[in-house]
C-alpha cells in the first residue's frame, strides 16, 4: 500500500512539473511575440522621429507668424485683449530618453 502511495505521489509530481513546463513554454512564446511587436513599434517611432526632426527649428518661426496673425485678427475684430503669456524658453519636442510624462 505504501509503495502505491509513493508511486501515485511521484506521478502527480511529474504531471505537475510537465504542466508547469508547458505553461512556461506558452508564456515564453507570448513574450517573444510581444518583444517582436515592441521592436517593430520602436523602429516605427524612431523613423517618425527622424522624419519629423527638421520641423523643430522651424516651429519658432511658425509660432511667431501665428502670433502676428492672432494680433491682426484681434485688431480687425476690435478686441483689445493682451496676448497670452509666453514661456521664457521655447519648448522642445519630447522625444528620446528625455521625454517624461507628468
Protein backbone atom coordinates (compact mmCIF):
# COMPACT_ATOMS: atom_id res chain seq x y z
CA UNK A 1 0.00 0.00 0.00
CA UNK A 2 2.81 2.36 0.90
CA UNK A 3 4.51 1.71 -2.45
CA UNK A 4 1.32 2.58 -4.33
CA UNK A 5 1.06 5.90 -2.48
CA UNK A 6 4.69 6.72 -3.25
CA UNK A 7 4.19 5.91 -6.94
CA UNK A 8 0.98 7.99 -7.04
CA UNK A 9 2.82 10.93 -5.43
CA UNK A 10 5.67 10.67 -7.94
CA UNK A 11 3.22 10.53 -10.84
CA UNK A 12 1.44 13.62 -9.54
CA UNK A 13 4.77 15.39 -9.15
CA UNK A 14 5.77 14.53 -12.72
CA UNK A 15 2.39 15.74 -14.00
CA UNK A 16 2.77 18.98 -12.05
CA UNK A 17 6.24 19.59 -13.49
CA UNK A 18 5.01 18.82 -17.02
CA UNK A 19 2.05 21.17 -16.69
CA UNK A 20 4.23 23.96 -15.26
CA UNK A 21 6.79 23.45 -18.04
CA UNK A 22 4.01 23.65 -20.62
CA UNK A 23 2.73 26.91 -19.19
CA UNK A 24 6.26 28.32 -19.10
CA UNK A 25 6.72 27.43 -22.79
CA UNK A 26 3.44 29.18 -23.66
CA UNK A 27 4.44 32.26 -21.63
CA UNK A 28 7.88 32.35 -23.29
CA UNK A 29 6.28 32.20 -26.76
CA UNK A 30 3.91 35.03 -25.85
CA UNK A 31 6.79 37.13 -24.53
CA UNK A 32 8.71 36.55 -27.77
CA UNK A 33 5.74 37.80 -29.78
CA UNK A 34 5.40 40.86 -27.54
CA UNK A 35 9.13 41.55 -27.84
CA UNK A 36 8.94 41.36 -31.63
CA UNK A 37 5.95 43.73 -31.70
CA UNK A 38 7.69 46.20 -29.37
CA UNK A 39 10.75 46.09 -31.60
CA UNK A 40 8.61 46.99 -34.62
CA UNK A 41 6.91 49.81 -32.71
CA UNK A 42 10.28 51.17 -31.56
CA UNK A 43 11.57 51.05 -35.14
CA UNK A 44 8.49 52.95 -36.34
CA UNK A 45 8.77 55.59 -33.63
CA UNK A 46 12.44 56.16 -34.47
CA UNK A 47 11.56 56.52 -38.14
CA UNK A 48 8.90 59.09 -37.28
CA UNK A 49 11.38 60.95 -35.07
CA UNK A 50 13.95 61.09 -37.89
CA UNK A 51 11.37 62.23 -40.44
CA UNK A 52 9.98 64.99 -38.22
CA UNK A 53 13.36 66.19 -36.92
CA UNK A 54 13.61 69.09 -39.45
CA UNK A 55 10.36 70.55 -38.11
CA UNK A 56 11.90 71.51 -34.75
CA UNK A 57 13.90 74.61 -35.80
CA UNK A 58 11.02 75.94 -37.91
CA UNK A 59 8.49 75.85 -35.07
CA UNK A 60 9.73 79.16 -33.64
CA UNK A 61 9.13 80.88 -36.97
CA UNK A 62 5.69 79.31 -37.29
CA UNK A 63 4.73 80.43 -33.76
CA UNK A 64 5.92 83.98 -34.46
CA UNK A 65 3.86 84.10 -37.66
CA UNK A 66 0.81 82.75 -35.84
CA UNK A 67 1.20 85.42 -33.14
CA UNK A 68 1.20 88.10 -35.85
CA UNK A 69 -1.91 86.59 -37.40
CA UNK A 70 -3.63 86.45 -34.00
CA UNK A 71 -2.73 90.08 -33.36
CA UNK A 72 -4.02 91.11 -36.78
CA UNK A 73 -7.26 89.20 -36.27
CA UNK A 74 -7.74 90.78 -32.86
CA UNK A 75 -7.26 94.27 -34.29
CA UNK A 76 -9.68 93.55 -37.16
CA UNK A 77 -12.27 92.21 -34.73
CA UNK A 78 -11.78 95.19 -32.44
CA UNK A 79 -10.81 93.06 -29.48
CA UNK A 80 -8.36 94.71 -27.11
CA UNK A 81 -7.06 91.80 -25.14
CA UNK A 82 -3.50 91.22 -24.12
CA UNK A 83 -1.66 88.35 -25.82
CA UNK A 84 -1.19 85.17 -23.79
CA UNK A 85 1.92 84.97 -21.64
CA UNK A 86 4.86 83.44 -23.49
CA UNK A 87 7.16 80.90 -21.85
CA UNK A 88 10.67 82.18 -21.24
CA UNK A 89 12.29 79.39 -23.22
CA UNK A 90 10.80 77.69 -26.27
CA UNK A 91 9.51 74.21 -25.71
CA UNK A 92 11.38 71.31 -27.28
CA UNK A 93 9.74 68.20 -28.71
CA UNK A 94 9.53 65.43 -26.13
CA UNK A 95 11.40 62.57 -27.78
CA UNK A 96 14.03 60.12 -26.70
CA UNK A 97 15.16 59.42 -23.16
CA UNK A 98 14.40 62.98 -22.02
CA UNK A 99 10.67 62.52 -22.62
CA UNK A 100 8.76 62.09 -19.36
CA UNK A 101 5.06 62.22 -18.76
CA UNK A 102 3.88 64.37 -15.83
